Amino acid sequence: VPAGGSLRLSCAASGESLWGYTLGWF
């Protein structure tokens, strides 16, 4: 992407539900 642009990252989970999970991006 060029400087000044935008992107949307997604993270899909499988297995257990995400209930109770702290989630983060690094």
PDB file of all heavy atoms in Angstrom:
ATOM      1  N   VAL A   1       0.847  -1.188   0.000  1.00  0.00           N
ATOM      2  CA  VAL A   1       0.000   0.000   0.000  1.00  0.00           C
ATOM      3  C   VAL A   1       0.884   1.239   0.000  1.00  0.00           C
ATOM      4  O   VAL A   1       1.947   1.247   0.624  1.00  0.00           O
ATOM      5  CB  VAL A   1      -0.949  -0.016   1.222  1.00  0.00           C
ATOM      6  CG1 VAL A   1      -0.158   0.033   2.523  1.00  0.00           C
ATOM      7  CG2 VAL A   1      -1.955   1.118   1.162  1.00  0.00           C
ATOM      8  N   PRO A   2       0.489   2.305  -0.702  1.00  0.00           N
ATOM      9  CA  PRO A   2       1.287   3.535  -0.667  1.00  0.00           C
ATOM     10  C   PRO A   2       1.129   4.264   0.652  1.00  0.00           C
ATOM     11  O   PRO A   2       0.137   4.094   1.371  1.00  0.00           O
ATOM     12  CB  PRO A   2       0.713   4.355  -1.822  1.00  0.00           C
ATOM     13  CG  PRO A   2      -0.692   3.881  -1.958  1.00  0.00           C
ATOM     14  CD  PRO A   2      -0.648   2.412  -1.638  1.00  0.00           C
ATOM     15  N   ALA A   3       2.121   5.078   0.993  1.00  0.00           N
ATOM     16  CA  ALA A   3       2.032   5.886   2.194  1.00  0.00           C
ATOM     17  C   ALA A   3       0.756   6.717   2.177  1.00  0.00           C
ATOM     18  O   ALA A   3       0.381   7.291   1.155  1.00  0.00           O
ATOM     19  CB  ALA A   3       3.258   6.788   2.316  1.00  0.00           C
ATOM     20  N   GLY A   4       0.101   6.766   3.323  1.00  0.00           N
ATOM     21  CA  GLY A   4      -1.161   7.466   3.440  1.00  0.00           C
ATOM     22  C   GLY A   4      -2.371   6.591   3.205  1.00  0.00           C
ATOM     23  O   GLY A   4      -3.498   7.017   3.477  1.00  0.00           O
ATOM     24  N   GLY A   5      -2.154   5.387   2.733  1.00  0.00           N
ATOM     25  CA  GLY A   5      -3.239   4.485   2.439  1.00  0.00           C
ATOM     26  C   GLY A   5      -3.704   3.706   3.647  1.00  0.00           C
ATOM     27  O   GLY A   5      -3.222   3.892   4.763  1.00  0.00           O
ATOM     28  N   SER A   6      -4.638   2.799   3.397  1.00  0.00           N
ATOM     29  CA  SER A   6      -5.251   2.013   4.462  1.00  0.00           C
ATOM     30  C   SER A   6      -5.283   0.543   4.105  1.00  0.00           C
ATOM     31  O   SER A   6      -5.342   0.168   2.929  1.00  0.00           O
ATOM     32  CB  SER A   6      -6.687   2.478   4.718  1.00  0.00           C
ATOM     33  OG  SER A   6      -6.735   3.821   5.151  1.00  0.00           O
ATOM     34  N   LEU A   7      -5.250  -0.283   5.128  1.00  0.00           N
ATOM     35  CA  LEU A   7      -5.452  -1.712   5.009  1.00  0.00           C
ATOM     36  C   LEU A   7      -6.248  -2.183   6.211  1.00  0.00           C
ATOM     37  O   LEU A   7      -6.159  -1.593   7.290  1.00  0.00           O
ATOM     38  CB  LEU A   7      -4.127  -2.479   4.967  1.00  0.00           C
ATOM     39  CG  LEU A   7      -3.318  -2.501   3.676  1.00  0.00           C
ATOM     40  CD1 LEU A   7      -1.988  -3.206   3.924  1.00  0.00           C
ATOM     41  CD2 LEU A   7      -4.084  -3.190   2.564  1.00  0.00           C
ATOM     42  N   ARG A   8      -6.988  -3.254   6.015  1.00  0.00           N
ATOM     43  CA  ARG A   8      -7.701  -3.876   7.111  1.00  0.00           C
ATOM     44  C   ARG A   8      -7.221  -5.309   7.237  1.00  0.00           C
ATOM     45  O   ARG A   8      -7.375  -6.105   6.305  1.00  0.00           O
ATOM     46  CB  ARG A   8      -9.210  -3.856   6.884  1.00  0.00           C
ATOM     47  CG  ARG A   8     -10.020  -4.432   8.054  1.00  0.00           C
ATOM     48  CD  ARG A   8     -11.505  -4.306   7.808  1.00  0.00           C
ATOM     49  NE  ARG A   8     -12.303  -4.888   8.866  1.00  0.00           N
ATOM     50  CZ  ARG A   8     -12.671  -4.259   9.973  1.00  0.00           C
ATOM     51  NH1 ARG A   8     -12.302  -2.987  10.156  1.00  0.00           N
ATOM     52  NH2 ARG A   8     -13.399  -4.869  10.890  1.00  0.00           N
ATOM     53  N   LEU A   9      -6.640  -5.623   8.365  1.00  0.00           N
ATOM     54  CA  LEU A   9      -6.194  -6.968   8.660  1.00  0.00           C
ATOM     55  C   LEU A   9      -7.276  -7.709   9.427  1.00  0.00           C
ATOM     56  O   LEU A   9      -7.952  -7.129  10.274  1.00  0.00           O
ATOM     57  CB  LEU A   9      -4.912  -6.956   9.484  1.00  0.00           C
ATOM     58  CG  LEU A   9      -3.732  -6.162   8.923  1.00  0.00           C
ATOM     59  CD1 LEU A   9      -2.530  -6.311   9.846  1.00  0.00           C
ATOM     60  CD2 LEU A   9      -3.393  -6.605   7.511  1.00  0.00           C
ATOM     61  N   SER A  10      -7.413  -8.974   9.131  1.00  0.00           N
ATOM     62  CA  SER A  10      -8.366  -9.809   9.836  1.00  0.00           C
ATOM     63  C   SER A  10      -7.665 -11.037  10.376  1.00  0.00           C
ATOM     64  O   SER A  10      -6.674 -11.503   9.815  1.00  0.00           O
ATOM     65  CB  SER A  10      -9.520 -10.233   8.914  1.00  0.00           C
ATOM     66  OG  SER A  10     -10.286  -9.123   8.509  1.00  0.00           O
ATOM     67  N   CYS A  11      -8.189 -11.550  11.451  1.00  0.00           N
ATOM     68  CA  CYS A  11      -7.667 -12.756  12.070  1.00  0.00           C
ATOM     69  C   CYS A  11      -8.850 -13.645  12.377  1.00  0.00           C
ATOM     70  O   CYS A  11      -9.745 -13.256  13.140  1.00  0.00           O
ATOM     71  CB  CYS A  11      -6.886 -12.407  13.334  1.00  0.00           C
ATOM     72  SG  CYS A  11      -6.258 -13.830  14.253  1.00  0.00           S
ATOM     73  N   ALA A  12      -8.876 -14.817  11.779  1.00  0.00           N
ATOM     74  CA  ALA A  12      -9.963 -15.763  11.960  1.00  0.00           C
ATOM     75  C   ALA A  12      -9.539 -16.875  12.902  1.00  0.00           C
ATOM     76  O   ALA A  12      -8.446 -17.423  12.767  1.00  0.00           O
ATOM     77  CB  ALA A  12     -10.392 -16.345  10.619  1.00  0.00           C
ATOM     78  N   ALA A  13     -10.408 -17.193  13.824  1.00  0.00           N
ATOM     79  CA  ALA A  13     -10.123 -18.227  14.809  1.00  0.00           C
ATOM     80  C   ALA A  13     -10.919 -19.485  14.509  1.00  0.00           C
ATOM     81  O   ALA A  13     -12.056 -19.430  14.038  1.00  0.00           O
ATOM     82  CB  ALA A  13     -10.453 -17.744  16.212  1.00  0.00           C
ATOM     83  N   SER A  14     -10.311 -20.600  14.786  1.00  0.00           N
ATOM     84  CA  SER A  14     -11.003 -21.878  14.727  1.00  0.00           C
ATOM     85  C   SER A  14     -10.689 -22.649  16.000  1.00  0.00           C
ATOM     86  O   SER A  14      -9.782 -22.295  16.751  1.00  0.00           O
ATOM     87  CB  SER A  14     -10.601 -22.682  13.491  1.00  0.00           C
ATOM     88  OG  SER A  14      -9.214 -22.974  13.508  1.00  0.00           O
ATOM     89  N   GLY A  15     -11.437 -23.690  16.227  1.00  0.00           N
ATOM     90  CA  GLY A  15     -11.278 -24.427  17.462  1.00  0.00           C
ATOM     91  C   GLY A  15     -12.216 -23.870  18.511  1.00  0.00           C
ATOM     92  O   GLY A  15     -13.418 -23.765  18.282  1.00  0.00           O
ATOM     93  N   GLU A  16     -11.667 -23.480  19.649  1.00  0.00           N
ATOM     94  CA  GLU A  16     -12.476 -22.939  20.726  1.00  0.00           C
ATOM     95  C   GLU A  16     -13.071 -21.590  20.364  1.00  0.00           C
ATOM     96  O   GLU A  16     -12.542 -20.853  19.528  1.00  0.00           O
ATOM     97  CB  GLU A  16     -11.649 -22.797  21.998  1.00  0.00           C
ATOM     98  CG  GLU A  16     -11.206 -24.100  22.628  1.00  0.00           C
ATOM     99  CD  GLU A  16     -10.478 -23.885  23.934  1.00  0.00           C
ATOM    100  OE1 GLU A  16     -10.189 -22.714  24.275  1.00  0.00           O
ATOM    101  OE2 GLU A  16     -10.199 -24.876  24.624  1.00  0.00           O
ATOM    102  N   SER A  17     -14.142 -21.255  21.040  1.00  0.00           N
ATOM    103  CA  SER A  17     -14.696 -19.915  20.968  1.00  0.00           C
ATOM    104  C   SER A  17     -13.693 -18.910  21.514  1.00  0.00           C
ATOM    105  O   SER A  17     -12.851 -19.250  22.350  1.00  0.00           O
ATOM    106  CB  SER A  17     -15.992 -19.849  21.772  1.00  0.00           C
ATOM    107  OG  SER A  17     -16.414 -18.528  21.967  1.00  0.00           O
ATOM    108  N   LEU A  18     -13.786 -17.657  21.046  1.00  0.00           N
ATOM    109  CA  LEU A  18     -12.922 -16.601  21.547  1.00  0.00           C
ATOM    110  C   LEU A  18     -13.418 -16.001  22.857  1.00  0.00           C
ATOM    111  O   LEU A  18     -12.772 -15.108  23.399  1.00  0.00           O
ATOM    112  CB  LEU A  18     -12.787 -15.491  20.501  1.00  0.00           C
ATOM    113  CG  LEU A  18     -12.017 -15.865  19.239  1.00  0.00           C
ATOM    114  CD1 LEU A  18     -12.004 -14.691  18.267  1.00  0.00           C
ATOM    115  CD2 LEU A  18     -10.600 -16.296  19.575  1.00  0.00           C
ATOM    116  N   TRP A  19     -14.540 -16.490  23.352  1.00  0.00           N
ATOM    117  CA  TRP A  19     -15.050 -15.979  24.611  1.00  0.00           C
ATOM    118  C   TRP A  19     -13.999 -16.159  25.701  1.00  0.00           C
ATOM    119  O   TRP A  19     -13.438 -17.241  25.879  1.00  0.00           O
ATOM    120  CB  TRP A  19     -16.336 -16.709  24.995  1.00  0.00           C
ATOM    121  CG  TRP A  19     -17.007 -16.108  26.187  1.00  0.00           C
ATOM    122  CD1 TRP A  19     -17.969 -15.144  26.186  1.00  0.00           C
ATOM    123  CD2 TRP A  19     -16.759 -16.431  27.560  1.00  0.00           C
ATOM    124  NE1 TRP A  19     -18.344 -14.847  27.469  1.00  0.00           N
ATOM    125  CE2 TRP A  19     -17.615 -15.622  28.342  1.00  0.00           C
ATOM    126  CE3 TRP A  19     -15.902 -17.330  28.202  1.00  0.00           C
ATOM    127  CZ2 TRP A  19     -17.633 -15.677  29.728  1.00  0.00           C
ATOM    128  CZ3 TRP A  19     -15.919 -17.380  29.594  1.00  0.00           C
ATOM    129  CH2 TRP A  19     -16.779 -16.565  30.334  1.00  0.00           C
ATOM    130  N   GLY A  20     -13.728 -15.088  26.418  1.00  0.00           N
ATOM    131  CA  GLY A  20     -12.755 -15.131  27.493  1.00  0.00           C
ATOM    132  C   GLY A  20     -11.326 -14.858  27.083  1.00  0.00           C
ATOM    133  O   GLY A  20     -10.449 -14.812  27.946  1.00  0.00           O
ATOM    134  N   TYR A  21     -11.071 -14.666  25.801  1.00  0.00           N
ATOM    135  CA  TYR A  21      -9.717 -14.431  25.306  1.00  0.00           C
ATOM    136  C   TYR A  21      -9.416 -12.951  25.145  1.00  0.00           C
ATOM    137  O   TYR A  21     -10.174 -12.223  24.493  1.00  0.00           O
ATOM    138  CB  TYR A  21      -9.508 -15.084  23.938  1.00  0.00           C
ATOM    139  CG  TYR A  21      -9.250 -16.570  23.967  1.00  0.00           C
ATOM    140  CD1 TYR A  21     -10.283 -17.473  24.139  1.00  0.00           C
ATOM    141  CD2 TYR A  21      -7.963 -17.058  23.786  1.00  0.00           C
ATOM    142  CE1 TYR A  21     -10.043 -18.835  24.155  1.00  0.00           C
ATOM    143  CE2 TYR A  21      -7.718 -18.421  23.794  1.00  0.00           C
ATOM    144  CZ  TYR A  21      -8.760 -19.303  23.978  1.00  0.00           C
ATOM    145  OH  TYR A  21      -8.520 -20.663  23.977  1.00  0.00           O
ATOM    146  N   THR A  22      -8.306 -12.510  25.718  1.00  0.00           N
ATOM    147  CA  THR A  22      -7.713 -11.256  25.302  1.00  0.00           C
ATOM    148  C   THR A  22      -7.027 -11.480  23.952  1.00  0.00           C
ATOM    149  O   THR A  22      -6.331 -12.483  23.771  1.00  0.00           O
ATOM    150  CB  THR A  22      -6.685 -10.761  26.324  1.00  0.00           C
ATOM    151  OG1 THR A  22      -7.375 -10.304  27.496  1.00  0.00           O
ATOM    152  CG2 THR A  22      -5.855  -9.609  25.774  1.00  0.00           C
ATOM    153  N   LEU A  23      -7.238 -10.568  23.013  1.00  0.00           N
ATOM    154  CA  LEU A  23      -6.656 -10.673  21.680  1.00  0.00           C
ATOM    155  C   LEU A  23      -5.805  -9.444  21.395  1.00  0.00           C
ATOM    156  O   LEU A  23      -6.095  -8.350  21.887  1.00  0.00           O
ATOM    157  CB  LEU A  23      -7.746 -10.794  20.617  1.00  0.00           C
ATOM    158  CG  LEU A  23      -8.678 -11.998  20.743  1.00  0.00           C
ATOM    159  CD1 LEU A  23      -9.814 -11.889  19.736  1.00  0.00           C
ATOM    160  CD2 LEU A  23      -7.905 -13.302  20.535  1.00  0.00           C
ATOM    161  N   GLY A  24      -4.783  -9.625  20.592  1.00  0.00           N
ATOM    162  CA  GLY A  24      -3.921  -8.503  20.272  1.00  0.00           C
ATOM    163  C   GLY A  24      -3.259  -8.641  18.924  1.00  0.00           C
ATOM    164  O   GLY A  24      -3.281  -9.711  18.299  1.00  0.00           O
ATOM    165  N   TRP A  25      -2.696  -7.531  18.490  1.00  0.00           N
ATOM    166  CA  TRP A  25      -1.903  -7.476  17.266  1.00  0.00           C
ATOM    167  C   TRP A  25      -0.491  -7.032  17.614  1.00  0.00           C
ATOM    168  O   TRP A  25      -0.288  -6.123  18.427  1.00  0.00           O
ATOM    169  CB  TRP A  25      -2.507  -6.508  16.248  1.00  0.00           C
ATOM    170  CG  TRP A  25      -3.758  -7.013  15.614  1.00  0.00           C
ATOM    171  CD1 TRP A  25      -5.037  -6.791  16.024  1.00  0.00           C
ATOM    172  CD2 TRP A  25      -3.847  -7.836  14.441  1.00  0.00           C
ATOM    173  NE1 TRP A  25      -5.925  -7.419  15.187  1.00  0.00           N
ATOM    174  CE2 TRP A  25      -5.220  -8.068  14.205  1.00  0.00           C
ATOM    175  CE3 TRP A  25      -2.902  -8.385  13.579  1.00  0.00           C
ATOM    176  CZ2 TRP A  25      -5.675  -8.835  13.133  1.00  0.00           C
ATOM    177  CZ3 TRP A  25      -3.349  -9.154  12.517  1.00  0.00           C
ATOM    178  CH2 TRP A  25      -4.722  -9.369  12.305  1.00  0.00           C
ATOM    179  N   PHE A  26       0.469  -7.668  16.977  1.00  0.00           N
ATOM    180  CA  PHE A  26       1.880  -7.383  17.156  1.00  0.00           C
ATOM    181  C   PHE A  26       2.518  -7.296  15.781  1.00  0.00           C
ATOM    182  O   PHE A  26       1.958  -7.790  14.797  1.00  0.00           O
ATOM    183  CB  PHE A  26       2.558  -8.479  17.993  1.00  0.00           C
ATOM    184  CG  PHE A  26       1.928  -8.665  19.342  1.00  0.00           C
ATOM    185  CD1 PHE A  26       0.764  -9.392  19.494  1.00  0.00           C
ATOM    186  CD2 PHE A  26       2.507  -8.097  20.472  1.00  0.00           C
ATOM    187  CE1 PHE A  26       0.175  -9.557  20.738  1.00  0.00           C
ATOM    188  CE2 PHE A  26       1.922  -8.253  21.725  1.00  0.00           C
ATOM    189  CZ  PHE A  26       0.756  -8.979  21.854  1.00  0.00           C
TER     190      PHE A  26
END
